[in-house]
Amino acid sequence: MAAAAPLPPVALAPPGGGVGRAAAGPGGAAGPGGAARAEGAEGLFVVLGAGLAAASHPLLYVKLLVQVGHEPLPPTVGRNVLGRKVLYLPGFFTYARHIVEVDGKRGLFRGLTPRLISSTLSTITRGSVKKAFPLEDMEHVSNKDDVKTSLRKVVKETSHEMMMQCVSRVVSHPLHVISMRCMVQFVGREVKYSGVFSAIGRIFKEEGILGFFVGLVPHILGDVIFLWCCNLLAHFINTYAVDDNFSQASVIRSYTKFVMGIAVSMLTYPFLLVGDLMAVNNCGLCAGLPPYAPVFPSWIHCWRYLSAQGQLFRGSSLLFRRAPVPAACFHID
């Protein structure tokens, strides 16, 4: 029986939040300086996570406005790969330039503070769960394992990652909701959510404790599906598709999970979209009410509505966005 290929040491984070297994640091720190090194590494990952969140915030901001259906700029005529004239909606840079014209450069970072807090909470929570259930207590996949043993280990490792991701998602989601609502205020020029503490009080007063967890279920489902599909696909490809006799087999295996992560993230994108839309739906903001979207009783109704409209992947691309207008509605000379 062929030996199973080991999983690459890096585990991608599910789309939309959290830090991957590699970012959590190596399992266990023994010795006198182990605890200090572990704390230093955790602090470093908190800083790196916050920096990444801040740098990518304008991209997330534009994506969210596209997700809720806010299109303040008219489409332009362009050509597709076949040379045919089509209508394209503004891409990221054009959209970002519009935000700067309206709110200035600082406007690109609307909602950043609660997002940084959410990112920090996610990283700290993952580290705390990792300490409570250290990785050194788990068996890792190695080249000496047979197929059945290696699959059992992959399932065990993925279950551990899933537990960390789900706990960190629950803890950080309330701040994610506040960040989303702060950003979509751009649509109606509202100031309902002007700060973290005032937003917490307003949500609790108007929606109760459950208001902090709207959209949580589709986010968790997307995270779980992402982790299992990514890890299992990478394992089966490394075990059955990559030949050990190939000279570059180890190099290919090291990138398998990365490539699978990109592919699976596209498949799980609708969960991210539905979760974000539910976070702002019927919260008293223009972006969460008609004509942008009806009031959804649950995330399943939101999913069905987007599916019927053919919009389950709205906002997945911010560069070449075809205008969703039926061909019979316009004519391009």
C-alpha atoms as a PDB file:
ATOM      1  CA  MET A   1       0.000   0.000   0.000  1.00  0.00           C
ATOM      2  CA  ALA A   2       1.353   3.412  -0.926  1.00  0.00           C
ATOM      3  CA  ALA A   3       2.520   5.661   1.860  1.00  0.00           C
ATOM      4  CA  ALA A   4       0.443   8.756   2.403  1.00  0.00           C
ATOM      5  CA  ALA A   5       1.951  12.137   1.644  1.00  0.00           C
ATOM      6  CA  PRO A   6       2.197  14.563   4.547  1.00  0.00           C
ATOM      7  CA  LEU A   7       0.054  17.641   4.666  1.00  0.00           C
ATOM      8  CA  PRO A   8       1.983  20.850   4.049  1.00  0.00           C
ATOM      9  CA  PRO A   9       2.803  22.739   7.243  1.00  0.00           C
ATOM     10  CA  VAL A  10       0.743  25.793   6.305  1.00  0.00           C
ATOM     11  CA  ALA A  11      -3.027  25.875   6.732  1.00  0.00           C
ATOM     12  CA  LEU A  12      -4.901  28.667   5.057  1.00  0.00           C
ATOM     13  CA  ALA A  13      -7.352  30.711   7.077  1.00  0.00           C
ATOM     14  CA  PRO A  14     -10.958  30.496   5.981  1.00  0.00           C
ATOM     15  CA  PRO A  15     -12.069  33.476   3.945  1.00  0.00           C
ATOM     16  CA  GLY A  16     -13.453  36.331   5.890  1.00  0.00           C
ATOM     17  CA  GLY A  17     -11.514  36.038   9.123  1.00  0.00           C
ATOM     18  CA  GLY A  18      -9.274  34.154  11.463  1.00  0.00           C
ATOM     19  CA  VAL A  19      -5.654  33.233  11.352  1.00  0.00           C
ATOM     20  CA  GLY A  20      -4.463  29.963   9.867  1.00  0.00           C
ATOM     21  CA  ARG A  21      -2.795  27.188  11.765  1.00  0.00           C
ATOM     22  CA  ALA A  22       0.632  28.401  10.739  1.00  0.00           C
ATOM     23  CA  ALA A  23      -0.097  31.803  12.230  1.00  0.00           C
ATOM     24  CA  ALA A  24      -0.875  30.192  15.546  1.00  0.00           C
ATOM     25  CA  GLY A  25       2.782  29.209  15.888  1.00  0.00           C
ATOM     26  CA  PRO A  26       4.411  25.837  16.432  1.00  0.00           C
ATOM     27  CA  GLY A  27       2.750  23.476  18.825  1.00  0.00           C
ATOM     28  CA  GLY A  28       3.837  23.656  22.414  1.00  0.00           C
ATOM     29  CA  ALA A  29       6.768  25.456  23.896  1.00  0.00           C
ATOM     30  CA  ALA A  30       8.847  23.499  26.356  1.00  0.00           C
ATOM     31  CA  GLY A  31      11.704  24.723  28.492  1.00  0.00           C
ATOM     32  CA  PRO A  32      12.289  27.834  30.610  1.00  0.00           C
ATOM     33  CA  GLY A  33      11.979  30.294  27.732  1.00  0.00           C
ATOM     34  CA  GLY A  34       9.151  28.473  25.968  1.00  0.00           C
ATOM     35  CA  ALA A  35       6.318  30.457  27.536  1.00  0.00           C
ATOM     36  CA  ALA A  36       8.028  33.778  26.821  1.00  0.00           C
ATOM     37  CA  ARG A  37       8.667  32.809  23.210  1.00  0.00           C
ATOM     38  CA  ALA A  38       5.039  31.687  22.825  1.00  0.00           C
ATOM     39  CA  GLU A  39       3.744  34.986  24.240  1.00  0.00           C
ATOM     40  CA  GLY A  40       6.101  36.947  22.000  1.00  0.00           C
ATOM     41  CA  ALA A  41       4.956  34.994  18.957  1.00  0.00           C
ATOM     42  CA  GLU A  42       1.311  35.547  19.854  1.00  0.00           C
ATOM     43  CA  GLY A  43       1.915  39.282  20.236  1.00  0.00           C
ATOM     44  CA  LEU A  44       3.679  39.336  16.887  1.00  0.00           C
ATOM     45  CA  PHE A  45       0.760  37.629  15.174  1.00  0.00           C
ATOM     46  CA  VAL A  46      -1.672  40.093  16.761  1.00  0.00           C
ATOM     47  CA  VAL A  47       0.348  42.988  15.327  1.00  0.00           C
ATOM     48  CA  LEU A  48       0.714  41.324  11.931  1.00  0.00           C
ATOM     49  CA  GLY A  49      -3.004  40.518  11.825  1.00  0.00           C
ATOM     50  CA  ALA A  50      -3.919  44.096  12.701  1.00  0.00           C
ATOM     51  CA  GLY A  51      -1.532  45.444  10.066  1.00  0.00           C
ATOM     52  CA  LEU A  52      -2.950  43.164   7.405  1.00  0.00           C
ATOM     53  CA  ALA A  53      -6.502  44.139   8.373  1.00  0.00           C
ATOM     54  CA  ALA A  54      -5.655  47.833   8.123  1.00  0.00           C
ATOM     55  CA  ALA A  55      -3.886  47.455   4.773  1.00  0.00           C
ATOM     56  CA  SER A  56      -6.715  45.440   3.233  1.00  0.00           C
ATOM     57  CA  HIS A  57      -9.540  47.510   4.719  1.00  0.00           C
ATOM     58  CA  PRO A  58     -10.195  49.694   1.632  1.00  0.00           C
ATOM     59  CA  LEU A  59     -10.574  46.525  -0.437  1.00  0.00           C
ATOM     60  CA  LEU A  60     -13.018  45.031   2.076  1.00  0.00           C
ATOM     61  CA  TYR A  61     -14.887  48.346   2.236  1.00  0.00           C
ATOM     62  CA  VAL A  62     -15.439  48.521  -1.516  1.00  0.00           C
ATOM     63  CA  LYS A  63     -16.340  44.810  -1.620  1.00  0.00           C
ATOM     64  CA  LEU A  64     -19.015  45.301   1.056  1.00  0.00           C
ATOM     65  CA  LEU A  65     -20.593  48.240  -0.775  1.00  0.00           C
ATOM     66  CA  VAL A  66     -20.720  46.119  -3.928  1.00  0.00           C
ATOM     67  CA  GLN A  67     -22.165  43.213  -1.948  1.00  0.00           C
ATOM     68  CA  VAL A  68     -25.092  45.315  -0.692  1.00  0.00           C
ATOM     69  CA  GLY A  69     -25.749  46.478  -4.259  1.00  0.00           C
ATOM     70  CA  HIS A  70     -24.630  50.104  -3.983  1.00  0.00           C
ATOM     71  CA  GLU A  71     -23.577  51.256  -7.453  1.00  0.00           C
ATOM     72  CA  PRO A  72     -23.196  55.071  -7.400  1.00  0.00           C
ATOM     73  CA  LEU A  73     -21.317  55.228 -10.707  1.00  0.00           C
ATOM     74  CA  PRO A  74     -22.721  54.414 -14.163  1.00  0.00           C
ATOM     75  CA  PRO A  75     -21.348  51.478 -16.156  1.00  0.00           C
ATOM     76  CA  THR A  76     -18.911  52.099 -18.995  1.00  0.00           C
ATOM     77  CA  VAL A  77     -18.601  50.464 -22.395  1.00  0.00           C
ATOM     78  CA  GLY A  78     -15.788  47.985 -22.790  1.00  0.00           C
ATOM     79  CA  ARG A  79     -14.880  44.875 -24.742  1.00  0.00           C
ATOM     80  CA  ASN A  80     -14.713  41.274 -23.585  1.00  0.00           C
ATOM     81  CA  VAL A  81     -12.094  38.715 -24.615  1.00  0.00           C
ATOM     82  CA  LEU A  82     -14.021  38.061 -27.838  1.00  0.00           C
ATOM     83  CA  GLY A  83     -13.954  41.728 -28.771  1.00  0.00           C
ATOM     84  CA  ARG A  84     -17.680  42.270 -28.216  1.00  0.00           C
ATOM     85  CA  LYS A  85     -18.858  45.489 -26.614  1.00  0.00           C
ATOM     86  CA  VAL A  86     -20.251  45.019 -23.112  1.00  0.00           C
ATOM     87  CA  LEU A  87     -21.115  47.209 -20.143  1.00  0.00           C
ATOM     88  CA  TYR A  88     -18.724  47.108 -17.198  1.00  0.00           C
ATOM     89  CA  LEU A  89     -19.382  48.428 -13.718  1.00  0.00           C
ATOM     90  CA  PRO A  90     -16.590  50.459 -12.060  1.00  0.00           C
ATOM     91  CA  GLY A  91     -13.721  48.409 -10.665  1.00  0.00           C
ATOM     92  CA  PHE A  92     -12.057  48.725  -7.297  1.00  0.00           C
ATOM     93  CA  PHE A  93      -9.823  51.693  -8.103  1.00  0.00           C
ATOM     94  CA  THR A  94     -12.608  53.736  -9.679  1.00  0.00           C
ATOM     95  CA  TYR A  95     -14.937  52.944  -6.792  1.00  0.00           C
ATOM     96  CA  ALA A  96     -12.262  53.797  -4.211  1.00  0.00           C
ATOM     97  CA  ARG A  97     -11.590  57.091  -5.982  1.00  0.00           C
ATOM     98  CA  HIS A  98     -15.293  57.909  -5.704  1.00  0.00           C
ATOM     99  CA  ILE A  99     -15.207  57.248  -1.949  1.00  0.00           C
ATOM    100  CA  VAL A 100     -12.203  59.585  -1.619  1.00  0.00           C
ATOM    101  CA  GLU A 101     -14.064  62.296  -3.561  1.00  0.00           C
ATOM    102  CA  VAL A 102     -17.019  62.015  -1.171  1.00  0.00           C
ATOM    103  CA  ASP A 103     -15.351  61.375   2.207  1.00  0.00           C
ATOM    104  CA  GLY A 104     -11.669  62.096   1.635  1.00  0.00           C
ATOM    105  CA  LYS A 105      -8.840  59.592   2.025  1.00  0.00           C
ATOM    106  CA  ARG A 106      -9.830  58.855   5.616  1.00  0.00           C
ATOM    107  CA  GLY A 107     -13.186  57.722   4.292  1.00  0.00           C
ATOM    108  CA  LEU A 108     -11.533  54.581   2.916  1.00  0.00           C
ATOM    109  CA  PHE A 109     -10.991  53.453   6.514  1.00  0.00           C
ATOM    110  CA  ARG A 110     -14.542  53.841   7.777  1.00  0.00           C
ATOM    111  CA  GLY A 111     -15.273  50.982  10.215  1.00  0.00           C
ATOM    112  CA  LEU A 112     -11.597  50.113  10.671  1.00  0.00           C
ATOM    113  CA  THR A 113     -11.520  50.364  14.485  1.00  0.00           C
ATOM    114  CA  PRO A 114     -14.095  47.620  15.186  1.00  0.00           C
ATOM    115  CA  ARG A 115     -12.481  45.487  12.503  1.00  0.00           C
ATOM    116  CA  LEU A 116      -9.073  45.779  14.182  1.00  0.00           C
ATOM    117  CA  ILE A 117     -10.638  44.793  17.511  1.00  0.00           C
ATOM    118  CA  SER A 118     -12.368  41.863  15.811  1.00  0.00           C
ATOM    119  CA  SER A 119      -9.089  40.721  14.235  1.00  0.00           C
ATOM    120  CA  THR A 120      -7.269  40.985  17.563  1.00  0.00           C
ATOM    121  CA  LEU A 121      -9.977  39.042  19.391  1.00  0.00           C
ATOM    122  CA  SER A 122      -9.855  36.335  16.724  1.00  0.00           C
ATOM    123  CA  THR A 123      -6.083  35.928  16.992  1.00  0.00           C
ATOM    124  CA  ILE A 124      -6.055  35.908  20.804  1.00  0.00           C
ATOM    125  CA  THR A 125      -8.945  33.432  20.934  1.00  0.00           C
ATOM    126  CA  ARG A 126      -7.212  31.037  18.557  1.00  0.00           C
ATOM    127  CA  GLY A 127      -4.089  31.213  20.709  1.00  0.00           C
ATOM    128  CA  SER A 128      -6.078  30.534  23.866  1.00  0.00           C
ATOM    129  CA  VAL A 129      -7.840  27.534  22.323  1.00  0.00           C
ATOM    130  CA  LYS A 130      -4.501  26.242  21.062  1.00  0.00           C
ATOM    131  CA  LYS A 131      -3.067  26.424  24.573  1.00  0.00           C
ATOM    132  CA  ALA A 132      -6.079  24.595  25.988  1.00  0.00           C
ATOM    133  CA  PHE A 133      -5.811  21.884  23.304  1.00  0.00           C
ATOM    134  CA  PRO A 134      -2.121  21.904  22.304  1.00  0.00           C
ATOM    135  CA  LEU A 135      -1.062  20.482  18.980  1.00  0.00           C
ATOM    136  CA  GLU A 136       1.691  18.339  20.504  1.00  0.00           C
ATOM    137  CA  ASP A 137      -1.036  16.087  21.869  1.00  0.00           C
ATOM    138  CA  MET A 138      -2.047  15.285  18.304  1.00  0.00           C
ATOM    139  CA  GLU A 139      -0.437  12.959  15.779  1.00  0.00           C
ATOM    140  CA  HIS A 140       0.774  14.589  12.585  1.00  0.00           C
ATOM    141  CA  VAL A 141       0.709  13.016   9.142  1.00  0.00           C
ATOM    142  CA  SER A 142       4.049  11.577   8.018  1.00  0.00           C
ATOM    143  CA  ASN A 143       5.421   9.680   5.052  1.00  0.00           C
ATOM    144  CA  LYS A 144       5.544   6.503   7.128  1.00  0.00           C
ATOM    145  CA  ASP A 145       1.766   6.351   7.563  1.00  0.00           C
ATOM    146  CA  ASP A 146      -0.432   4.116   5.459  1.00  0.00           C
ATOM    147  CA  VAL A 147      -3.461   5.636   3.734  1.00  0.00           C
ATOM    148  CA  LYS A 148      -5.966   4.742   6.443  1.00  0.00           C
ATOM    149  CA  THR A 149      -3.790   6.059   9.276  1.00  0.00           C
ATOM    150  CA  SER A 150      -2.948   9.278   7.455  1.00  0.00           C
ATOM    151  CA  LEU A 151      -6.610   9.980   6.703  1.00  0.00           C
ATOM    152  CA  ARG A 152      -7.471   9.503  10.369  1.00  0.00           C
ATOM    153  CA  LYS A 153      -4.787  12.014  11.317  1.00  0.00           C
ATOM    154  CA  VAL A 154      -5.977  14.527   8.702  1.00  0.00           C
ATOM    155  CA  VAL A 155      -9.527  14.272  10.086  1.00  0.00           C
ATOM    156  CA  LYS A 156      -8.209  14.814  13.619  1.00  0.00           C
ATOM    157  CA  GLU A 157      -6.100  17.820  12.633  1.00  0.00           C
ATOM    158  CA  THR A 158      -8.941  19.363  10.637  1.00  0.00           C
ATOM    159  CA  SER A 159     -11.318  18.906  13.556  1.00  0.00           C
ATOM    160  CA  HIS A 160      -8.842  20.786  15.738  1.00  0.00           C
ATOM    161  CA  GLU A 161      -8.599  23.621  13.207  1.00  0.00           C
ATOM    162  CA  MET A 162     -12.388  23.731  12.923  1.00  0.00           C
ATOM    163  CA  MET A 163     -12.775  24.053  16.685  1.00  0.00           C
ATOM    164  CA  MET A 164     -10.318  26.966  16.813  1.00  0.00           C
ATOM    165  CA  GLN A 165     -11.946  28.720  13.886  1.00  0.00           C
ATOM    166  CA  CYS A 166     -15.505  28.332  15.172  1.00  0.00           C
ATOM    167  CA  VAL A 167     -14.660  29.607  18.653  1.00  0.00           C
ATOM    168  CA  SER A 168     -12.712  32.593  17.304  1.00  0.00           C
ATOM    169  CA  ARG A 169     -15.543  33.379  14.875  1.00  0.00           C
ATOM    170  CA  VAL A 170     -18.148  33.435  17.664  1.00  0.00           C
ATOM    171  CA  VAL A 171     -15.994  35.671  19.864  1.00  0.00           C
ATOM    172  CA  SER A 172     -15.075  38.171  17.131  1.00  0.00           C
ATOM    173  CA  HIS A 173     -18.399  38.273  15.271  1.00  0.00           C
ATOM    174  CA  PRO A 174     -20.074  41.059  17.312  1.00  0.00           C
ATOM    175  CA  LEU A 175     -17.298  43.477  16.326  1.00  0.00           C
ATOM    176  CA  HIS A 176     -17.536  42.228  12.745  1.00  0.00           C
ATOM    177  CA  VAL A 177     -21.224  43.182  12.721  1.00  0.00           C
ATOM    178  CA  ILE A 178     -20.428  46.664  14.039  1.00  0.00           C
ATOM    179  CA  SER A 179     -17.697  47.126  11.425  1.00  0.00           C
ATOM    180  CA  MET A 180     -20.040  46.099   8.604  1.00  0.00           C
ATOM    181  CA  ARG A 181     -22.730  48.523   9.750  1.00  0.00           C
ATOM    182  CA  CYS A 182     -20.278  51.395  10.121  1.00  0.00           C
ATOM    183  CA  MET A 183     -19.125  50.877   6.539  1.00  0.00           C
ATOM    184  CA  VAL A 184     -22.539  50.625   4.871  1.00  0.00           C
ATOM    185  CA  GLN A 185     -23.546  53.972   6.387  1.00  0.00           C
ATOM    186  CA  PHE A 186     -21.800  55.407   3.337  1.00  0.00           C
ATOM    187  CA  VAL A 187     -24.823  54.402   1.241  1.00  0.00           C
ATOM    188  CA  GLY A 188     -27.358  56.595   3.022  1.00  0.00           C
ATOM    189  CA  ARG A 189     -24.890  59.034   4.618  1.00  0.00           C
ATOM    190  CA  GLU A 190     -26.090  57.945   8.063  1.00  0.00           C
ATOM    191  CA  VAL A 191     -24.275  58.381  11.389  1.00  0.00           C
ATOM    192  CA  LYS A 192     -26.243  55.872  13.449  1.00  0.00           C
ATOM    193  CA  TYR A 193     -23.150  53.830  14.330  1.00  0.00           C
ATOM    194  CA  SER A 194     -20.514  56.425  15.166  1.00  0.00           C
ATOM    195  CA  GLY A 195     -18.352  54.539  17.657  1.00  0.00           C
ATOM    196  CA  VAL A 196     -17.719  51.071  19.053  1.00  0.00           C
ATOM    197  CA  PHE A 197     -19.254  51.592  22.494  1.00  0.00           C
ATOM    198  CA  SER A 198     -22.248  53.585  21.237  1.00  0.00           C
ATOM    199  CA  ALA A 199     -22.838  50.910  18.574  1.00  0.00           C
ATOM    200  CA  ILE A 200     -22.751  48.174  21.212  1.00  0.00           C
ATOM    201  CA  GLY A 201     -25.335  50.009  23.287  1.00  0.00           C
ATOM    202  CA  ARG A 202     -27.570  50.723  20.300  1.00  0.00           C
ATOM    203  CA  ILE A 203     -27.544  47.149  19.015  1.00  0.00           C
ATOM    204  CA  PHE A 204     -28.243  45.741  22.467  1.00  0.00           C
ATOM    205  CA  LYS A 205     -31.112  48.200  22.994  1.00  0.00           C
ATOM    206  CA  GLU A 206     -32.746  47.668  19.599  1.00  0.00           C
ATOM    207  CA  GLU A 207     -32.041  43.991  18.854  1.00  0.00           C
ATOM    208  CA  GLY A 208     -30.946  42.394  22.102  1.00  0.00           C
ATOM    209  CA  ILE A 209     -27.997  40.020  22.474  1.00  0.00           C
ATOM    210  CA  LEU A 210     -28.903  38.177  19.262  1.00  0.00           C
ATOM    211  CA  GLY A 211     -28.297  41.360  17.295  1.00  0.00           C
ATOM    212  CA  PHE A 212     -24.563  40.858  17.758  1.00  0.00           C
ATOM    213  CA  PHE A 213     -24.707  37.453  16.072  1.00  0.00           C
ATOM    214  CA  VAL A 214     -26.781  38.085  12.941  1.00  0.00           C
ATOM    215  CA  GLY A 215     -25.091  36.408   9.997  1.00  0.00           C
ATOM    216  CA  LEU A 216     -23.007  34.150  12.232  1.00  0.00           C
ATOM    217  CA  VAL A 217     -24.426  30.831  10.986  1.00  0.00           C
ATOM    218  CA  PRO A 218     -23.541  31.248   7.274  1.00  0.00           C
ATOM    219  CA  HIS A 219     -20.065  32.487   8.239  1.00  0.00           C
ATOM    220  CA  ILE A 220     -19.426  29.417  10.404  1.00  0.00           C
ATOM    221  CA  LEU A 221     -20.821  27.074   7.746  1.00  0.00           C
ATOM    222  CA  GLY A 222     -18.545  28.658   5.168  1.00  0.00           C
ATOM    223  CA  ASP A 223     -15.534  28.303   7.481  1.00  0.00           C
ATOM    224  CA  VAL A 224     -16.279  24.638   8.237  1.00  0.00           C
ATOM    225  CA  ILE A 225     -16.868  23.700   4.588  1.00  0.00           C
ATOM    226  CA  PHE A 226     -13.709  25.576   3.585  1.00  0.00           C
ATOM    227  CA  LEU A 227     -11.509  23.792   6.120  1.00  0.00           C
ATOM    228  CA  TRP A 228     -12.772  20.284   5.413  1.00  0.00           C
ATOM    229  CA  CYS A 229     -12.764  20.631   1.618  1.00  0.00           C
ATOM    230  CA  CYS A 230      -9.358  22.282   1.532  1.00  0.00           C
ATOM    231  CA  ASN A 231      -7.643  19.802   3.858  1.00  0.00           C
ATOM    232  CA  LEU A 232      -9.232  16.658   2.434  1.00  0.00           C
ATOM    233  CA  LEU A 233      -8.713  17.677  -1.201  1.00  0.00           C
ATOM    234  CA  ALA A 234      -5.079  18.543  -0.512  1.00  0.00           C
ATOM    235  CA  HIS A 235      -4.582  15.210   1.261  1.00  0.00           C
ATOM    236  CA  PHE A 236      -6.128  13.115  -1.523  1.00  0.00           C
ATOM    237  CA  ILE A 237      -4.240  14.995  -4.249  1.00  0.00           C
ATOM    238  CA  ASN A 238      -0.923  14.624  -2.419  1.00  0.00           C
ATOM    239  CA  THR A 239      -1.591  10.935  -1.760  1.00  0.00           C
ATOM    240  CA  TYR A 240      -3.022   9.740  -5.068  1.00  0.00           C
ATOM    241  CA  ALA A 241      -2.176  12.326  -7.738  1.00  0.00           C
ATOM    242  CA  VAL A 242       1.428  13.254  -6.945  1.00  0.00           C
ATOM    243  CA  ASP A 243       3.923  10.510  -7.769  1.00  0.00           C
ATOM    244  CA  ASP A 244       6.746  10.050  -5.233  1.00  0.00           C
ATOM    245  CA  ASN A 245       9.120   9.263  -8.119  1.00  0.00           C
ATOM    246  CA  PHE A 246       8.641  12.771  -9.525  1.00  0.00           C
ATOM    247  CA  SER A 247      11.651  14.942  -8.668  1.00  0.00           C
ATOM    248  CA  GLN A 248       9.527  17.969  -7.715  1.00  0.00           C
ATOM    249  CA  ALA A 249       6.909  16.027  -5.757  1.00  0.00           C
ATOM    250  CA  SER A 250       7.735  17.700  -2.428  1.00  0.00           C
ATOM    251  CA  VAL A 251       7.509  21.165  -4.005  1.00  0.00           C
ATOM    252  CA  ILE A 252       4.138  20.425  -5.574  1.00  0.00           C
ATOM    253  CA  ARG A 253       2.779  19.055  -2.300  1.00  0.00           C
ATOM    254  CA  SER A 254       3.867  22.171  -0.428  1.00  0.00           C
ATOM    255  CA  TYR A 255       1.635  24.302  -2.684  1.00  0.00           C
ATOM    256  CA  THR A 256      -1.337  21.951  -2.955  1.00  0.00           C
ATOM    257  CA  LYS A 257      -3.216  23.323   0.038  1.00  0.00           C
ATOM    258  CA  PHE A 258      -2.598  26.916  -1.075  1.00  0.00           C
ATOM    259  CA  VAL A 259      -4.088  26.235  -4.511  1.00  0.00           C
ATOM    260  CA  MET A 260      -6.978  24.283  -3.011  1.00  0.00           C
ATOM    261  CA  GLY A 261      -7.637  27.167  -0.637  1.00  0.00           C
ATOM    262  CA  ILE A 262      -8.084  29.592  -3.530  1.00  0.00           C
ATOM    263  CA  ALA A 263     -10.421  27.249  -5.376  1.00  0.00           C
ATOM    264  CA  VAL A 264     -12.513  26.323  -2.334  1.00  0.00           C
ATOM    265  CA  SER A 265     -12.789  29.950  -1.208  1.00  0.00           C
ATOM    266  CA  MET A 266     -14.607  30.730  -4.447  1.00  0.00           C
ATOM    267  CA  LEU A 267     -17.057  27.898  -3.827  1.00  0.00           C
ATOM    268  CA  THR A 268     -17.763  29.039  -0.265  1.00  0.00           C
ATOM    269  CA  TYR A 269     -18.023  32.744  -1.183  1.00  0.00           C
ATOM    270  CA  PRO A 270     -21.863  32.738  -1.134  1.00  0.00           C
ATOM    271  CA  PHE A 271     -21.747  31.953   2.599  1.00  0.00           C
ATOM    272  CA  LEU A 272     -19.546  35.011   3.149  1.00  0.00           C
ATOM    273  CA  LEU A 273     -21.879  37.165   1.061  1.00  0.00           C
ATOM    274  CA  VAL A 274     -25.027  36.001   2.838  1.00  0.00           C
ATOM    275  CA  GLY A 275     -23.408  36.442   6.255  1.00  0.00           C
ATOM    276  CA  ASP A 276     -22.360  40.018   5.481  1.00  0.00           C
ATOM    277  CA  LEU A 277     -25.767  40.931   4.072  1.00  0.00           C
ATOM    278  CA  MET A 278     -27.532  39.540   7.131  1.00  0.00           C
ATOM    279  CA  ALA A 279     -25.233  41.592   9.367  1.00  0.00           C
ATOM    280  CA  VAL A 280     -26.653  44.818   7.898  1.00  0.00           C
ATOM    281  CA  ASN A 281     -30.171  43.685   6.976  1.00  0.00           C
ATOM    282  CA  ASN A 282     -33.059  45.471   8.687  1.00  0.00           C
ATOM    283  CA  CYS A 283     -30.798  47.338  11.112  1.00  0.00           C
ATOM    284  CA  GLY A 284     -32.262  50.764  10.384  1.00  0.00           C
ATOM    285  CA  LEU A 285     -29.732  51.665   7.692  1.00  0.00           C
ATOM    286  CA  CYS A 286     -30.579  52.433   4.083  1.00  0.00           C
ATOM    287  CA  ALA A 287     -28.329  49.621   2.787  1.00  0.00           C
ATOM    288  CA  GLY A 288     -30.277  47.017   4.745  1.00  0.00           C
ATOM    289  CA  LEU A 289     -33.729  47.989   3.500  1.00  0.00           C
ATOM    290  CA  PRO A 290     -35.545  48.159   0.141  1.00  0.00           C
ATOM    291  CA  PRO A 291     -34.715  48.940  -2.609  1.00  0.00           C
ATOM    292  CA  TYR A 292     -31.298  47.458  -1.809  1.00  0.00           C
ATOM    293  CA  ALA A 293     -32.727  44.307  -0.279  1.00  0.00           C
ATOM    294  CA  PRO A 294     -35.966  43.078   1.263  1.00  0.00           C
ATOM    295  CA  VAL A 295     -36.118  42.296   4.959  1.00  0.00           C
ATOM    296  CA  PHE A 296     -34.988  38.677   5.341  1.00  0.00           C
ATOM    297  CA  PRO A 297     -36.512  36.551   8.137  1.00  0.00           C
ATOM    298  CA  SER A 298     -33.442  34.306   8.077  1.00  0.00           C
ATOM    299  CA  TRP A 299     -30.212  33.754   6.193  1.00  0.00           C
ATOM    300  CA  ILE A 300     -31.856  30.949   4.205  1.00  0.00           C
ATOM    301  CA  HIS A 301     -34.368  33.446   2.768  1.00  0.00           C
ATOM    302  CA  CYS A 302     -31.442  35.715   1.882  1.00  0.00           C
ATOM    303  CA  TRP A 303     -29.691  32.830   0.110  1.00  0.00           C
ATOM    304  CA  ARG A 304     -32.819  31.946  -1.871  1.00  0.00           C
ATOM    305  CA  TYR A 305     -33.367  35.579  -2.852  1.00  0.00           C
ATOM    306  CA  LEU A 306     -29.788  35.988  -4.120  1.00  0.00           C
ATOM    307  CA  SER A 307     -29.959  32.646  -5.911  1.00  0.00           C
ATOM    308  CA  ALA A 308     -33.175  33.638  -7.691  1.00  0.00           C
ATOM    309  CA  GLN A 309     -31.529  36.911  -8.741  1.00  0.00           C
ATOM    310  CA  GLY A 310     -28.369  35.152  -9.926  1.00  0.00           C
ATOM    311  CA  GLN A 311     -26.352  37.223  -7.423  1.00  0.00           C
ATOM    312  CA  LEU A 312     -24.777  34.615  -5.139  1.00  0.00           C
ATOM    313  CA  PHE A 313     -21.305  35.703  -6.262  1.00  0.00           C
ATOM    314  CA  ARG A 314     -21.924  39.450  -6.213  1.00  0.00           C
ATOM    315  CA  GLY A 315     -18.760  41.212  -5.116  1.00  0.00           C
ATOM    316  CA  SER A 316     -16.490  38.194  -5.627  1.00  0.00           C
ATOM    317  CA  SER A 317     -14.587  40.149  -8.295  1.00  0.00           C
ATOM    318  CA  LEU A 318     -13.713  43.828  -8.072  1.00  0.00           C
ATOM    319  CA  LEU A 319     -11.821  44.266 -11.334  1.00  0.00           C
ATOM    320  CA  PHE A 320     -13.916  43.195 -14.320  1.00  0.00           C
ATOM    321  CA  ARG A 321     -17.570  43.443 -13.311  1.00  0.00           C
ATOM    322  CA  ARG A 322     -20.153  42.945 -15.987  1.00  0.00           C
ATOM    323  CA  ALA A 323     -23.249  45.077 -15.563  1.00  0.00           C
ATOM    324  CA  PRO A 324     -26.150  42.740 -14.623  1.00  0.00           C
ATOM    325  CA  VAL A 325     -28.477  44.168 -17.271  1.00  0.00           C
ATOM    326  CA  PRO A 326     -30.391  41.911 -19.668  1.00  0.00           C
ATOM    327  CA  ALA A 327     -29.229  42.261 -23.247  1.00  0.00           C
ATOM    328  CA  ALA A 328     -32.703  43.282 -24.371  1.00  0.00           C
ATOM    329  CA  CYS A 329     -32.571  46.339 -22.097  1.00  0.00           C
ATOM    330  CA  PHE A 330     -29.796  48.192 -23.889  1.00  0.00           C
ATOM    331  CA  HIS A 331     -28.123  48.533 -27.241  1.00  0.00           C
ATOM    332  CA  ILE A 332     -24.485  49.420 -27.786  1.00  0.00           C
ATOM    333  CA  ASP A 333     -23.575  51.001 -31.121  1.00  0.00           C
END
